[in-house]
Protein backbone atom coordinates (compact mmCIF):
# COMPACT_ATOMS: atom_id res chain seq x y z
CA MET A 1 182.89 109.06 97.82
CA ALA A 2 183.05 105.70 96.97
CA LYS A 3 180.14 103.49 95.37
CA SER A 4 178.75 101.24 97.70
CA MET A 5 179.82 97.22 96.89
CA ASN A 6 176.61 95.75 97.42
CA THR A 7 175.05 97.36 94.78
CA PRO A 8 172.64 95.14 92.87
CA LYS A 9 173.00 93.86 89.36
CA LYS A 10 170.95 94.65 86.76
CA THR A 11 168.78 91.84 85.97
CA ARG A 12 166.99 91.25 82.95
CA ASN A 13 162.86 91.75 82.77
CA PRO A 14 161.88 89.09 81.34
CA ILE A 15 158.65 91.26 79.99
CA ASN A 16 160.83 92.32 77.21
CA TRP A 17 161.94 88.90 76.77
CA LEU A 18 157.97 87.98 76.41
CA LYS A 19 156.84 91.64 74.26
CA ALA A 20 159.81 90.41 71.52
CA TRP A 21 158.32 86.65 71.49
CA SER A 22 154.84 88.51 71.24
CA HIS A 23 155.77 90.66 68.37
CA LEU A 24 157.69 87.76 66.59
CA PHE A 25 154.45 85.77 66.64
CA PHE A 26 151.87 88.83 65.09
CA LEU A 27 154.76 89.35 62.12
CA TYR A 28 154.38 85.13 61.35
CA LEU A 29 151.11 85.57 62.06
CA TYR A 30 150.19 88.47 59.48
CA ALA A 31 153.29 89.19 57.29
CA PRO A 32 151.50 86.32 55.12
CA ILE A 33 148.63 88.31 54.88
CA ALA A 34 149.88 91.58 54.03
CA VAL A 35 151.81 89.84 50.92
CA LEU A 36 148.38 89.06 50.04
CA ILE A 37 147.14 92.17 50.22
CA ILE A 38 150.18 93.61 48.63
CA TYR A 39 150.90 90.86 45.62
CA SER A 40 146.75 91.47 44.65
CA PHE A 41 147.75 95.10 43.33
CA ASN A 42 151.13 93.69 41.52
CA ASP A 43 150.65 93.86 37.49
CA ASN A 44 152.10 91.60 36.50
CA ARG A 45 150.62 87.95 35.93
CA ILE A 46 153.49 85.99 37.59
CA ALA A 47 152.04 86.77 40.99
CA GLN A 48 155.12 86.68 43.14
CA VAL A 49 157.25 88.88 40.35
CA TRP A 50 156.21 92.70 41.48
CA THR A 51 156.23 94.94 38.57
CA GLU A 52 154.06 98.40 39.27
CA PHE A 53 150.73 99.25 41.07
CA SER A 54 147.68 98.30 39.30
CA THR A 55 143.85 97.38 40.21
CA LYS A 56 143.47 95.52 37.39
CA TRP A 57 142.67 92.23 38.80
CA TYR A 58 140.35 93.60 40.99
CA VAL A 59 138.27 95.15 38.38
CA LYS A 60 138.54 91.59 36.27
CA ALA A 61 137.75 88.94 39.39
CA PHE A 62 134.57 91.05 40.02
CA THR A 63 133.35 91.35 36.48
CA ASN A 64 134.05 87.70 35.81
CA GLU A 65 130.25 86.37 36.20
CA ASP A 66 131.79 83.13 37.88
CA ILE A 67 132.77 85.27 41.25
CA GLN A 68 129.89 87.13 41.03
CA ARG A 69 127.74 83.79 40.82
CA ALA A 70 130.05 82.47 44.18
CA ILE A 71 129.82 86.04 46.25
CA VAL A 72 125.94 86.10 45.39
CA ASN A 73 125.88 82.09 46.58
CA SER A 74 127.78 82.80 49.44
CA LEU A 75 126.24 85.86 50.72
CA LYS A 76 122.38 84.26 50.41
CA VAL A 77 123.88 81.42 52.63
CA ALA A 78 125.15 83.98 55.05
CA PHE A 79 121.73 86.01 54.97
CA VAL A 80 119.89 83.14 55.56
CA ALA A 81 122.09 81.07 57.98
CA THR A 82 122.24 84.08 60.38
CA ILE A 83 118.86 84.98 60.26
CA VAL A 84 117.76 81.23 61.12
CA SER A 85 120.75 80.45 63.71
CA THR A 86 120.43 83.50 65.19
CA LEU A 87 116.59 83.08 65.70
CA PHE A 88 117.09 79.79 67.36
CA ALA A 89 120.08 80.87 69.28
CA THR A 90 117.94 83.63 71.04
CA MET A 91 115.02 80.95 71.77
CA ALA A 92 118.08 78.81 73.63
CA ALA A 93 118.83 81.29 75.39
CA LEU A 94 116.00 82.89 76.69
CA VAL A 95 114.56 78.65 78.11
CA LEU A 96 118.07 77.89 79.11
CA PHE A 97 118.54 80.91 81.49
CA ARG A 98 115.91 79.88 82.77
CA PRO A 99 116.09 78.89 86.95
CA LYS A 100 117.80 75.43 86.13
CA PHE A 101 115.18 72.08 85.39
CA ARG A 102 115.58 68.74 84.33
CA GLY A 103 118.20 67.98 80.93
CA GLN A 104 119.80 71.91 80.76
CA VAL A 105 123.13 71.03 81.50
CA ILE A 106 122.70 68.42 78.57
CA SER A 107 120.83 70.90 76.93
CA ASN A 108 123.72 72.78 77.16
CA ALA A 109 126.59 70.60 76.56
CA ILE A 110 124.36 69.28 73.05
CA ILE A 111 124.39 73.43 71.82
CA SER A 112 128.16 73.59 72.45
CA LEU A 113 129.28 70.61 70.89
CA PRO A 114 129.72 71.57 67.84
CA LEU A 115 132.51 73.95 69.00
CA LEU A 116 134.60 70.88 70.85
CA VAL A 117 133.91 68.75 67.31
CA PRO A 118 136.69 68.75 64.76
CA GLU A 119 134.72 70.52 62.10
CA ILE A 120 135.51 67.96 59.48
CA ALA A 121 133.80 65.17 61.56
CA THR A 122 131.07 67.97 61.60
CA ALA A 123 131.12 67.56 57.58
CA VAL A 124 130.87 64.11 57.30
CA ALA A 125 128.35 63.17 59.48
CA THR A 126 126.07 66.57 57.59
CA LEU A 127 127.05 64.46 54.63
CA SER A 128 126.37 60.64 55.52
CA PHE A 129 122.81 62.28 57.04
CA PHE A 130 121.70 64.18 53.56
CA ALA A 131 123.02 61.03 52.26
CA ALA A 132 120.91 58.73 54.13
CA ILE A 133 117.58 60.67 54.28
CA LYS A 134 118.60 61.27 50.30
CA PHE A 135 118.23 64.72 50.61
CA PRO A 136 119.70 66.61 47.37
CA LEU A 137 122.66 68.09 47.70
CA GLY A 138 122.83 71.59 46.63
CA LEU A 139 122.50 75.69 47.91
CA THR A 140 119.75 74.23 50.33
CA SER A 141 121.77 72.14 51.82
CA ILE A 142 124.77 74.16 52.74
CA ILE A 143 121.91 76.76 53.60
CA ILE A 144 121.11 73.91 56.32
CA ALA A 145 124.19 72.98 57.36
CA HIS A 146 125.06 75.84 58.37
CA ILE A 147 122.37 76.83 60.85
CA VAL A 148 123.12 74.07 62.42
CA PHE A 149 127.03 74.63 62.89
CA CYS A 150 126.29 78.21 63.38
CA ILE A 151 123.97 78.31 65.63
CA PRO A 152 126.98 78.12 69.17
CA PHE A 153 128.90 80.92 68.10
CA ALA A 154 125.67 82.81 67.54
CA PHE A 155 124.66 81.73 71.07
CA MET A 156 127.91 82.49 73.03
CA PRO A 157 127.58 86.24 73.33
CA ILE A 158 123.31 85.84 73.90
CA ARG A 159 123.59 83.69 76.17
CA ALA A 160 126.89 86.53 77.80
CA ARG A 161 124.77 89.04 77.54
CA LEU A 162 121.70 87.60 79.53
CA ALA A 163 123.92 86.46 82.27
CA GLY A 164 124.70 90.59 82.62
CA MET A 165 121.38 91.83 82.10
CA ASP A 166 119.56 92.96 85.71
CA GLN A 167 116.94 90.86 86.75
CA THR A 168 115.34 93.62 88.66
CA LEU A 169 113.58 95.23 85.80
CA GLN A 170 112.33 92.49 84.13
CA GLU A 171 110.48 91.60 87.81
CA ALA A 172 109.59 95.61 88.43
CA GLY A 173 108.26 95.62 84.92
CA LYS A 174 105.89 92.56 85.82
CA ASP A 175 104.71 94.48 89.37
CA LEU A 176 103.28 97.41 87.19
CA TYR A 177 101.38 95.01 85.62
CA ALA A 178 102.86 93.75 82.22
CA ASN A 179 102.51 90.35 80.79
CA GLU A 180 105.23 87.85 79.73
CA TRP A 181 105.05 89.33 76.22
CA GLN A 182 105.58 92.76 77.14
CA VAL A 183 108.20 92.73 79.43
CA PHE A 184 109.84 90.19 76.53
CA TYR A 185 109.07 92.82 74.17
CA TYR A 186 109.78 95.85 76.30
CA VAL A 187 112.16 94.94 78.30
CA THR A 188 114.40 91.82 77.84
CA LEU A 189 114.36 92.54 74.02
CA PRO A 190 115.72 95.78 73.86
CA MET A 191 119.07 94.65 76.43
CA LEU A 192 119.80 92.22 74.53
CA LYS A 193 119.57 93.58 71.43
CA PRO A 194 123.34 93.71 71.79
CA GLY A 195 124.14 89.79 72.28
CA ILE A 196 122.42 89.17 69.40
CA ILE A 197 123.18 91.11 67.08
CA ALA A 198 126.49 89.93 68.49
CA GLY A 199 125.68 86.77 67.60
CA ALA A 200 124.39 87.47 63.91
CA ILE A 201 128.02 89.23 63.15
CA LEU A 202 129.86 86.38 64.14
CA ALA A 203 127.21 83.80 62.94
CA PHE A 204 127.78 85.64 59.40
CA ILE A 205 131.23 85.13 59.77
CA ILE A 206 131.53 81.49 60.78
CA SER A 207 129.28 81.02 57.61
CA VAL A 208 130.75 83.01 54.98
CA ASP A 209 134.82 81.98 55.66
CA ASP A 210 133.43 78.04 55.87
CA PHE A 211 135.36 75.90 53.26
CA ILE A 212 135.13 72.28 54.84
CA ILE A 213 131.55 72.08 55.60
CA SER A 214 130.45 73.84 51.90
CA LEU A 215 132.86 71.01 50.11
CA MET A 216 131.50 68.45 51.89
CA VAL A 217 127.41 69.51 51.59
CA ALA A 218 127.48 71.40 48.47
CA GLY A 219 126.63 70.33 45.02
CA ALA A 220 126.85 71.06 40.90
CA GLY A 221 125.61 75.10 41.35
CA ALA A 222 126.12 75.88 44.89
CA THR A 223 129.05 76.70 44.28
CA THR A 224 130.77 79.83 47.21
CA LEU A 225 133.55 81.81 47.38
CA PRO A 226 135.81 80.18 49.30
CA LEU A 227 135.16 77.19 46.97
CA TYR A 228 135.51 79.21 44.13
CA ILE A 229 138.98 80.33 45.17
CA TYR A 230 140.36 76.78 46.84
CA SER A 231 139.37 75.93 42.72
CA MET A 232 141.49 78.70 41.21
CA ILE A 233 143.95 78.09 43.85
CA ARG A 234 144.83 74.26 41.93
CA LEU A 235 145.85 75.88 38.73
CA GLY A 236 147.77 78.27 40.37
CA VAL A 237 148.35 81.52 42.49
CA SER A 238 147.19 84.32 40.62
CA PRO A 239 147.42 88.18 41.29
CA GLU A 240 142.70 87.33 40.71
CA ILE A 241 142.86 84.74 43.23
CA ASN A 242 145.07 87.33 45.45
CA ALA A 243 142.03 90.12 44.97
CA VAL A 244 139.32 88.03 45.55
CA SER A 245 140.61 86.72 48.70
CA THR A 246 141.97 90.24 49.88
CA VAL A 247 137.79 91.34 49.38
CA LEU A 248 137.50 88.06 51.44
CA PHE A 249 139.61 88.75 54.29
CA CYS A 250 138.61 92.34 54.44
CA ILE A 251 134.89 91.47 54.85
CA SER A 252 135.74 89.00 57.71
CA VAL A 253 137.97 91.84 59.06
CA SER A 254 134.85 94.23 59.24
CA ALA A 255 132.08 91.68 60.45
CA ILE A 256 134.99 91.24 63.62
CA ALA A 257 135.80 95.15 64.22
CA ALA A 258 131.76 95.67 64.43
CA TYR A 259 131.24 92.27 66.72
CA TRP A 260 134.38 93.57 69.13
CA LEU A 261 132.73 96.92 69.18
CA ILE A 262 129.25 95.87 69.81
CA SER A 263 130.57 93.47 73.02
CA ARG A 264 132.79 96.35 73.93
CA GLN A 265 129.61 98.09 74.64
CA THR A 266 127.71 95.26 75.64
CA GLU A 267 130.58 94.64 78.69
CA ASP A 268 130.05 98.19 79.59
CA LYS A 269 125.82 98.39 79.64
CA THR A 270 126.68 95.46 82.06
CA HIS A 271 129.10 97.19 84.25
CA VAL A 272 127.38 100.77 84.75
CA HIS A 273 124.04 98.31 85.79
């Protein structure tokens, strides 16, 4: 039997083209990182010439006293900035989540402003402020700058968690004659904990990876790990730099993975409620 002449022609599926472009995009995005990690295990002193597998650059990098000092400085700044910025972000989220009051929209805009302003502008403004009040530059100035810059990043997941919470549970606590502090401690805080942890992790990532603000407000003896990596690159790329950068990358990825898992758990709990 003859085939019908009206058989429709096959058309190209645009989804396949989108998949191909997405694969090219991710290859372009992550190929340099893969090269960085691979060459961090290169035995050759010349970073771009592969000879054989070796971990000696990791040993050399992390027995370097300057690198150790930079890591300690970065962790000090990140831990303090994370704790303080998360505390302020939590208080701000609790206040701004209450029924509307005069100035609520402006307050939300002020907290979110560092997300919209270019980081270089924030860094210059912070440096100008420290110069105006004659505040000495050093580790303390970096911590203060990071606290301000990390607040909106910690605020976002906490605010999102508050928006997804079941408010009837707090009302039930009040109906059972619990005061405001008891409701907050036994009802609100446990439900808010995933958002607080997620906000703290995000603030920690931002602080550890920050370069521009740290460069502007750092003083003598206040070199963080990103600043030290930058100073090493100016002398030329070496496997030692690749090793330090790989470790910093792994720390960031681990923190982001933890943030994603906690955020996912928060969303699942929100859907259950």
